[in-house]
Protein backbone atom coordinates (compact mmCIF):
# COMPACT_ATOMS: atom_id res chain seq x y z
CA MET A 1 -11.24 -171.23 -18.13
CA THR A 2 -12.30 -167.36 -17.40
CA ILE A 3 -10.66 -166.65 -13.99
CA ARG A 4 -12.88 -164.20 -12.37
CA LYS A 5 -11.24 -161.23 -10.29
CA ARG A 6 -12.95 -161.78 -6.85
CA PRO A 7 -14.53 -164.86 -4.91
CA ARG A 8 -18.37 -164.60 -6.15
CA ILE A 9 -19.76 -162.36 -9.13
CA GLY A 10 -18.22 -162.30 -12.59
CA MET A 11 -16.87 -165.11 -10.96
CA VAL A 12 -17.46 -168.66 -11.81
CA ALA A 13 -14.58 -168.56 -9.24
CA LEU A 14 -13.23 -171.55 -11.07
CA ALA A 15 -10.20 -171.08 -8.84
CA ALA A 16 -6.72 -172.21 -11.02
CA VAL A 17 -5.73 -174.59 -8.12
CA ALA A 18 -8.84 -176.52 -8.65
CA LEU A 19 -8.65 -176.34 -12.30
CA THR A 20 -5.14 -177.73 -12.70
CA ALA A 21 -5.75 -180.44 -10.10
CA THR A 22 -8.62 -181.53 -11.98
CA ALA A 23 -8.08 -180.91 -15.65
CA LEU A 24 -4.17 -181.53 -15.45
CA THR A 25 -3.40 -183.94 -12.64
CA GLY A 26 -6.22 -186.47 -12.57
CA PRO A 27 -5.13 -189.89 -13.97
CA ALA A 28 -5.09 -190.12 -17.81
CA GLN A 29 -7.88 -192.45 -19.08
CA ALA A 30 -6.98 -192.63 -22.56
CA SER A 31 -4.12 -191.67 -24.97
CA ARG A 32 -3.66 -188.08 -26.17
CA GLY A 33 -6.45 -187.43 -28.60
CA THR A 34 -8.83 -190.11 -27.29
CA ALA A 35 -11.94 -189.68 -25.40
CA PRO A 36 -12.99 -192.36 -23.23
CA LYS A 37 -16.65 -192.86 -23.30
CA PRO A 38 -18.25 -193.46 -19.74
CA ALA A 39 -20.87 -196.55 -19.50
CA ASP A 40 -23.17 -194.23 -18.09
CA HIS A 41 -23.47 -190.75 -15.88
CA GLN A 42 -22.78 -192.26 -12.40
CA ALA A 43 -19.50 -190.50 -12.17
CA THR A 44 -21.22 -187.23 -12.93
CA GLN A 45 -23.76 -188.24 -10.54
CA ARG A 46 -21.30 -188.88 -7.89
CA ALA A 47 -19.40 -185.48 -8.63
CA ILE A 48 -22.74 -183.65 -8.21
CA ASP A 49 -23.46 -185.30 -4.95
CA ALA A 50 -20.08 -184.24 -3.71
CA ALA A 51 -20.99 -180.57 -4.49
CA ILE A 52 -24.45 -181.20 -2.23
CA GLU A 53 -22.03 -182.66 0.19
CA ALA A 54 -19.64 -179.52 0.20
CA GLY A 55 -22.64 -177.39 0.67
CA VAL A 56 -24.38 -176.27 -2.47
CA PRO A 57 -28.01 -176.42 -2.05
CA GLY A 58 -29.10 -177.42 -5.19
CA VAL A 59 -27.84 -178.52 -8.78
CA THR A 60 -29.63 -179.34 -11.87
CA ALA A 61 -27.68 -180.63 -14.66
CA GLU A 62 -28.41 -182.30 -18.08
CA ALA A 63 -25.80 -184.14 -20.46
CA ARG A 64 -26.55 -184.94 -24.24
CA ASP A 65 -24.80 -187.39 -26.25
CA SER A 66 -25.06 -190.21 -28.70
CA ARG A 67 -26.83 -192.08 -25.91
CA GLY A 68 -29.39 -189.55 -25.48
CA VAL A 69 -30.34 -186.96 -22.69
CA TRP A 70 -29.32 -187.47 -19.22
CA GLN A 71 -30.98 -184.88 -16.65
CA SER A 72 -30.41 -184.55 -12.88
CA ALA A 73 -31.63 -182.68 -10.09
CA THR A 74 -30.32 -183.08 -6.61
CA GLY A 75 -30.44 -181.14 -3.45
CA VAL A 76 -32.88 -178.47 -2.57
CA GLY A 77 -34.52 -175.43 -4.42
CA ASP A 78 -35.64 -173.61 -1.59
CA LEU A 79 -33.97 -174.13 1.75
CA GLU A 80 -36.82 -172.42 3.55
CA SER A 81 -39.48 -175.03 2.55
CA GLY A 82 -36.98 -177.94 1.44
CA ALA A 83 -38.68 -178.14 -1.90
CA PRO A 84 -36.31 -179.91 -4.30
CA ARG A 85 -34.65 -178.47 -7.53
CA HIS A 86 -36.21 -179.28 -10.79
CA LYS A 87 -34.71 -180.83 -13.93
CA ASN A 88 -36.14 -178.15 -16.05
CA ASP A 89 -35.25 -175.16 -13.74
CA ARG A 90 -34.74 -171.68 -15.22
CA PHE A 91 -31.63 -169.41 -13.81
CA ARG A 92 -29.74 -166.91 -14.74
CA VAL A 93 -26.73 -167.76 -17.07
CA GLY A 94 -24.40 -164.92 -15.93
CA SER A 95 -21.58 -164.28 -18.23
CA ILE A 96 -22.74 -167.13 -20.80
CA THR A 97 -24.99 -164.26 -22.12
CA ASN A 98 -21.90 -163.40 -24.02
CA THR A 99 -21.85 -166.45 -26.00
CA PHE A 100 -25.27 -165.49 -27.29
CA VAL A 101 -23.91 -161.60 -28.10
CA ALA A 102 -20.67 -163.20 -29.84
CA THR A 103 -22.93 -165.23 -32.27
CA VAL A 104 -25.24 -162.26 -33.18
CA LEU A 105 -22.21 -159.98 -34.10
CA LEU A 106 -20.57 -163.07 -35.89
CA GLN A 107 -23.86 -163.32 -37.66
CA MET A 108 -23.64 -159.49 -39.03
CA GLU A 109 -20.52 -160.10 -39.84
CA ALA A 110 -21.47 -162.73 -42.16
CA GLU A 111 -23.88 -160.30 -43.35
CA LYS A 112 -21.74 -157.68 -44.26
CA LYS A 113 -23.14 -155.12 -41.51
CA LEU A 114 -20.07 -154.89 -39.75
CA SER A 115 -16.14 -156.12 -39.63
CA LEU A 116 -14.79 -157.39 -36.38
CA ASP A 117 -11.90 -155.20 -37.24
CA ASP A 118 -13.91 -152.00 -37.17
CA THR A 119 -13.25 -149.72 -34.11
CA VAL A 120 -15.65 -149.26 -31.16
CA GLU A 121 -15.52 -145.69 -31.80
CA HIS A 122 -17.03 -146.45 -35.58
CA HIS A 123 -20.25 -148.13 -34.00
CA LEU A 124 -20.26 -146.26 -30.42
CA PRO A 125 -18.91 -142.52 -31.21
CA GLY A 126 -17.68 -140.98 -27.88
CA VAL A 127 -18.74 -143.64 -25.88
CA VAL A 128 -15.09 -145.04 -24.87
CA THR A 129 -13.12 -142.03 -23.66
CA GLY A 130 -11.45 -140.50 -20.76
CA ASN A 131 -8.43 -141.56 -18.14
CA GLY A 132 -6.64 -142.94 -21.40
CA ASN A 133 -9.49 -145.11 -22.67
CA ASP A 134 -9.84 -144.72 -26.57
CA GLY A 135 -12.63 -146.54 -28.61
CA ARG A 136 -10.58 -145.53 -31.82
CA SER A 137 -7.75 -147.94 -30.80
CA ILE A 138 -10.18 -150.95 -29.74
CA THR A 139 -11.60 -153.17 -32.18
CA VAL A 140 -14.96 -155.26 -31.97
CA ARG A 141 -12.91 -158.43 -32.31
CA GLN A 142 -10.71 -157.22 -29.05
CA LEU A 143 -14.13 -156.60 -27.16
CA LEU A 144 -15.10 -160.43 -27.80
CA ASN A 145 -11.62 -162.18 -26.99
CA HIS A 146 -11.10 -159.55 -24.06
CA THR A 147 -7.93 -158.27 -25.08
CA SER A 148 -9.04 -154.33 -25.28
CA GLY A 149 -7.19 -153.76 -21.83
CA LEU A 150 -10.43 -152.07 -20.49
CA PHE A 151 -10.94 -152.21 -16.90
CA ASP A 152 -13.79 -154.23 -15.61
CA TYR A 153 -16.54 -152.02 -13.84
CA VAL A 154 -17.73 -154.96 -11.96
CA ILE A 155 -14.57 -155.23 -9.69
CA GLU A 156 -14.28 -151.30 -8.97
CA PRO A 157 -14.26 -151.37 -5.15
CA THR A 158 -17.04 -148.87 -4.98
CA TYR A 159 -19.33 -150.57 -7.24
CA TYR A 160 -18.85 -153.99 -5.99
CA GLU A 161 -19.77 -152.93 -2.23
CA LYS A 162 -22.81 -151.08 -3.54
CA TYR A 163 -24.68 -153.75 -5.59
CA ILE A 164 -22.74 -157.20 -5.20
CA LEU A 165 -21.46 -157.44 -1.58
CA GLY A 166 -23.34 -157.54 1.60
CA ASP A 167 -25.66 -154.86 2.65
CA GLY A 168 -24.91 -152.88 -0.20
CA PHE A 169 -26.61 -155.52 -2.16
CA LEU A 170 -29.67 -155.91 0.04
CA GLN A 171 -30.07 -152.18 -0.23
CA HIS A 172 -29.89 -151.66 -3.84
CA ARG A 173 -30.96 -155.04 -5.42
CA TYR A 174 -34.05 -153.76 -6.85
CA ASP A 175 -32.25 -150.41 -8.37
CA THR A 176 -32.66 -150.05 -12.06
CA LEU A 177 -29.07 -149.47 -13.71
CA THR A 178 -28.50 -148.00 -17.16
CA PRO A 179 -25.48 -149.29 -19.42
CA GLU A 180 -24.14 -145.99 -19.17
CA GLN A 181 -23.93 -145.81 -15.51
CA ARG A 182 -21.68 -149.19 -15.49
CA LEU A 183 -19.55 -147.77 -18.27
CA LYS A 184 -18.86 -144.43 -16.17
CA VAL A 185 -17.66 -146.73 -13.49
CA ALA A 186 -15.28 -148.41 -16.17
CA PHE A 187 -13.73 -145.40 -17.79
CA SER A 188 -12.86 -143.48 -14.36
CA HIS A 189 -10.14 -146.00 -14.39
CA ALA A 190 -7.20 -146.49 -16.88
CA PRO A 191 -7.01 -149.24 -19.23
CA GLN A 192 -5.24 -152.14 -17.80
CA PHE A 193 -3.07 -152.48 -20.43
CA GLN A 194 -2.77 -151.45 -24.51
CA PRO A 195 -5.36 -153.06 -26.63
CA GLY A 196 -4.21 -156.32 -28.12
CA ALA A 197 -1.33 -156.84 -25.62
CA ARG A 198 -2.99 -159.89 -23.85
CA HIS A 199 -6.23 -161.45 -22.52
CA SER A 200 -7.78 -160.32 -19.34
CA PHE A 201 -11.55 -160.66 -19.08
CA SER A 202 -13.69 -157.64 -18.43
CA HIS A 203 -17.46 -157.45 -18.18
CA THR A 204 -17.20 -153.97 -19.96
CA ASN A 205 -16.08 -155.72 -23.22
CA ASP A 206 -19.09 -157.36 -23.33
CA LEU A 207 -21.45 -154.58 -22.11
CA LEU A 208 -20.11 -152.71 -25.10
CA ALA A 209 -20.67 -155.71 -27.62
CA ALA A 210 -24.34 -155.67 -26.57
CA LEU A 211 -24.46 -151.95 -27.61
CA ILE A 212 -23.00 -152.43 -30.63
CA VAL A 213 -25.39 -155.48 -31.61
CA GLU A 214 -28.24 -152.44 -30.87
CA LYS A 215 -26.63 -149.89 -33.05
CA VAL A 216 -26.00 -152.15 -35.86
CA GLY A 217 -29.40 -154.09 -35.57
CA GLY A 218 -31.41 -150.74 -34.84
CA THR A 219 -33.30 -152.67 -32.18
CA SER A 220 -32.58 -153.87 -28.60
CA TYR A 221 -30.02 -156.61 -28.11
CA GLU A 222 -32.81 -158.97 -26.37
CA ASN A 223 -34.73 -158.56 -29.86
CA GLU A 224 -31.56 -159.60 -31.83
CA VAL A 225 -30.93 -162.69 -29.93
CA ARG A 226 -34.55 -163.53 -30.06
CA LYS A 227 -34.92 -163.52 -33.75
CA ARG A 228 -31.68 -164.66 -34.63
CA ILE A 229 -31.23 -167.66 -32.03
CA THR A 230 -33.77 -168.68 -29.21
CA LYS A 231 -37.09 -168.42 -31.81
CA PRO A 232 -35.14 -170.28 -34.63
CA LEU A 233 -34.01 -173.18 -32.32
CA GLY A 234 -36.96 -173.20 -30.07
CA LEU A 235 -35.54 -172.27 -27.09
CA LYS A 236 -38.52 -171.70 -24.91
CA ALA A 237 -36.66 -171.57 -21.54
CA THR A 238 -34.52 -168.79 -22.51
CA SER A 239 -35.45 -164.89 -22.07
CA SER A 240 -34.30 -161.92 -21.13
CA PRO A 241 -35.45 -160.13 -17.76
CA GLY A 242 -35.40 -156.39 -18.74
CA THR A 243 -35.77 -154.84 -15.16
CA SER A 244 -37.90 -157.70 -13.72
CA THR A 245 -36.39 -158.79 -10.49
CA THR A 246 -37.88 -162.47 -10.67
CA LEU A 247 -37.49 -165.46 -12.47
CA PRO A 248 -39.91 -167.42 -14.57
CA GLN A 249 -41.39 -170.53 -13.35
CA PRO A 250 -40.11 -173.41 -12.56
CA SER A 251 -37.09 -172.00 -10.99
CA SER A 252 -35.32 -172.59 -7.45
CA ARG A 253 -34.35 -169.95 -5.08
CA GLY A 254 -30.62 -168.30 -5.26
CA TYR A 255 -28.32 -168.26 -2.43
CA SER A 256 -25.12 -165.99 -1.68
CA LYS A 257 -22.59 -165.59 1.15
CA LEU A 258 -22.99 -162.06 0.90
CA PHE A 259 -21.04 -161.66 3.96
CA PHE A 260 -18.38 -164.05 3.47
CA PHE A 261 -15.79 -161.93 4.77
CA SER A 262 -17.27 -161.14 8.22
CA GLN A 263 -19.80 -163.98 8.55
CA PRO A 264 -18.60 -166.86 6.30
CA ASP A 265 -21.34 -169.03 7.44
CA ARG A 266 -24.29 -166.68 6.77
CA ILE A 267 -26.42 -167.42 3.62
CA ASP A 268 -28.77 -165.09 2.27
CA ASP A 269 -31.64 -165.65 -0.19
CA VAL A 270 -30.83 -163.32 -3.26
CA SER A 271 -33.35 -164.84 -5.61
CA GLU A 272 -34.70 -161.32 -6.41
CA PHE A 273 -32.83 -158.46 -8.03
CA ASN A 274 -33.18 -155.94 -11.08
CA GLY A 275 -31.95 -157.52 -14.27
CA SER A 276 -30.90 -154.34 -15.59
CA GLN A 277 -27.63 -154.63 -13.20
CA VAL A 278 -26.68 -157.16 -15.21
CA TRP A 279 -27.97 -156.20 -19.09
CA GLY A 280 -26.04 -157.40 -21.83
CA ASP A 281 -23.32 -159.23 -20.03
CA GLY A 282 -25.02 -161.55 -17.42
CA ASP A 283 -28.82 -160.95 -17.73
CA ILE A 284 -30.05 -163.78 -19.95
CA ILE A 285 -31.97 -166.60 -18.23
CA SER A 286 -32.27 -170.12 -19.67
CA SER A 287 -32.28 -173.82 -18.43
CA ALA A 288 -29.75 -176.39 -18.63
CA GLY A 289 -31.73 -178.21 -21.67
CA ASP A 290 -31.56 -174.84 -23.61
CA LEU A 291 -28.11 -174.23 -23.33
CA ASN A 292 -27.23 -177.48 -24.36
CA ARG A 293 -29.37 -177.06 -27.30
CA PHE A 294 -27.81 -173.55 -28.25
CA TYR A 295 -24.30 -175.11 -27.91
CA ARG A 296 -24.92 -177.82 -30.05
CA ALA A 297 -26.37 -176.00 -32.77
CA LEU A 298 -23.46 -173.23 -32.64
CA MET A 299 -20.63 -175.99 -32.80
CA ARG A 300 -22.68 -178.14 -35.70
CA GLY A 301 -22.74 -174.93 -37.79
CA LYS A 302 -26.51 -174.33 -37.70
CA LEU A 303 -25.83 -170.68 -36.26
CA LEU A 304 -23.09 -169.40 -38.21
CA PRO A 305 -21.27 -169.95 -41.61
CA ALA A 306 -18.00 -171.90 -41.52
CA GLN A 307 -15.91 -168.48 -41.45
CA GLN A 308 -17.34 -167.12 -38.73
CA LEU A 309 -17.50 -170.17 -36.56
CA GLU A 310 -13.84 -170.64 -37.39
CA GLU A 311 -12.99 -166.81 -36.26
CA MET A 312 -15.19 -167.90 -33.02
CA LYS A 313 -12.84 -170.74 -32.28
CA THR A 314 -9.58 -168.59 -32.99
CA THR A 315 -8.51 -168.32 -29.45
CA VAL A 316 -5.71 -166.41 -27.39
CA VAL A 317 -4.02 -167.64 -24.39
CA ASN A 318 -5.40 -166.87 -20.90
CA PRO A 319 -2.13 -165.64 -19.12
CA ASP A 320 -3.71 -166.33 -15.73
CA LEU A 321 -4.06 -170.31 -16.52
CA PRO A 322 -2.35 -171.26 -20.03
CA ILE A 323 -4.31 -174.78 -20.30
CA THR A 324 -7.25 -172.62 -21.44
CA SER A 325 -7.68 -169.87 -24.17
CA TYR A 326 -10.19 -167.66 -24.98
CA GLY A 327 -12.14 -167.44 -28.59
CA LEU A 328 -14.99 -165.02 -29.21
CA GLY A 329 -17.83 -165.73 -26.70
CA ILE A 330 -16.40 -169.27 -25.94
CA GLU A 331 -13.11 -170.92 -24.35
CA ARG A 332 -10.90 -174.10 -24.90
CA LEU A 333 -9.73 -176.45 -22.35
CA GLU A 334 -7.15 -179.17 -22.60
CA MET A 335 -8.42 -182.14 -20.42
CA SER A 336 -6.18 -184.52 -18.73
CA CYS A 337 -7.67 -187.39 -20.37
CA GLY A 338 -6.65 -186.36 -23.91
CA ILE A 339 -9.18 -184.23 -25.14
CA SER A 340 -10.21 -180.59 -25.94
CA LEU A 341 -13.33 -179.07 -24.74
CA TRP A 342 -14.92 -175.74 -25.60
CA TYR A 343 -17.04 -174.27 -22.61
CA HIS A 344 -18.16 -171.10 -20.92
CA ASP A 345 -18.92 -170.46 -17.43
CA GLY A 346 -21.43 -167.79 -15.67
CA GLY A 347 -21.95 -166.31 -12.45
CA THR A 348 -24.21 -163.72 -10.92
CA VAL A 349 -25.30 -163.12 -7.65
CA GLY A 350 -27.09 -166.64 -6.32
CA SER A 351 -26.01 -168.54 -9.15
CA LEU A 352 -23.43 -170.53 -10.75
CA THR A 353 -23.43 -172.34 -14.22
CA PHE A 354 -20.92 -173.92 -16.39
CA ALA A 355 -21.77 -175.37 -19.96
CA ALA A 356 -18.90 -177.48 -21.85
CA PHE A 357 -19.18 -179.31 -25.25
CA THR A 358 -16.92 -181.05 -27.69
CA GLU A 359 -16.00 -179.26 -30.78
CA ASP A 360 -18.19 -181.44 -32.83
CA GLY A 361 -21.46 -180.49 -30.96
CA ARG A 362 -22.13 -184.22 -30.27
CA HIS A 363 -21.55 -184.16 -26.44
CA GLN A 364 -22.47 -181.56 -23.95
CA LEU A 365 -23.12 -180.95 -20.30
CA THR A 366 -24.54 -177.82 -18.57
CA VAL A 367 -24.57 -177.85 -14.68
CA ASN A 368 -26.25 -174.93 -12.42
CA TYR A 369 -25.90 -174.45 -8.65
CA ASN A 370 -28.41 -172.14 -7.20
CA SER A 371 -25.99 -170.87 -5.19
CA ASP A 372 -22.36 -168.71 -5.77
CA TRP A 373 -19.81 -170.74 -3.67
CA GLU A 374 -18.27 -174.18 -4.26
CA ALA A 375 -17.39 -173.27 -7.60
CA SER A 376 -14.31 -175.85 -7.39
CA GLN A 377 -16.95 -178.59 -7.27
CA LEU A 378 -17.77 -177.77 -10.95
CA LEU A 379 -14.33 -179.36 -12.13
CA PRO A 380 -14.68 -182.21 -10.95
CA THR A 381 -18.32 -182.82 -12.52
CA LEU A 382 -16.70 -181.65 -15.94
CA ASN A 383 -13.90 -184.50 -15.58
CA ALA A 384 -16.61 -187.10 -14.64
CA GLU A 385 -18.85 -186.54 -17.41
CA PHE A 386 -16.01 -186.16 -20.16
CA CYS A 387 -13.28 -188.42 -18.92
CA GLY A 388 -15.08 -190.96 -16.92
CA THR A 389 -13.65 -190.23 -13.43
CA THR A 390 -13.86 -187.46 -10.41
CA SER A 391 -10.32 -188.16 -9.37
CA GLY A 392 -8.14 -185.29 -9.53
């Protein structure tokens, strides 16, 4: 699981303790290598209900398997009016954007337009420099599997306090930011480690990957995603916001505990903020249905040739949580009931999303909270859907 470095953004703050309790210590439901098929989605709905009871305003979810499509919309989408969440809500997917970018880069590799072993300097000359950062020693592959060692700009204290936390977010939510402004924050810090030494998630990697898409494609990364993925798959609920501050309809309000250090019970409506602030590493807007269709097509070889799909599934260990490992834009998780899942999570201010799917692409689950807290409740939902129990 992508363990983020703060209580919120970057964040699906899927804490190691919660993950371990759910994925490792839950009662085994079958022998290793065998996945029990739940008779229905009652356990999944119970887990969603538990998230609402724990304080999540609203949840929208969709599962797809051999029995068809199951959808759920629980709780409220607007705390002020009491309007419910909708099954087809649009929401910001956060770092799930990474899978779209990685898919485009792998398509470009298949087309001989780049190599994953190209250096970042080759495509973005002079961009990664200063304070020991050197684009000549980092490859495209290391960006995608987060082994570059580059500092994560999102966790820089000044940036975090200005754009993500408390009064800083409220004052600057409508600011337009360029990729260069965010990269400047990252490269004001020395690398965390030498390239290739280990895995550590950094939004800086994903921002650079999106810039490489643009350099190689000769057009915006949004256009590349549109023509290569969303249009061919008919993902009509999936879009990129540019500098827009609002979500397309139908959608719910998004909520955050911006002042969780000083006012832990305070909840702010954070529905509106400038999409440029998460451009390339968290800006895509989608729905549970579209994400399930995307991951199904991806894992069933509809978007990548066999060689590139195998590269995407070649993982490095996450040292923070060894039961997970990180590929190129997707992650692998070993479940207590004996199955392995692929997944990606994503968080922005006011939204948490988790998408999980089997390797054969036949079973998917996507869950979205219109809030950025109680992330530990996501894992019981995952366990319920794929292992048939919420115990952990």
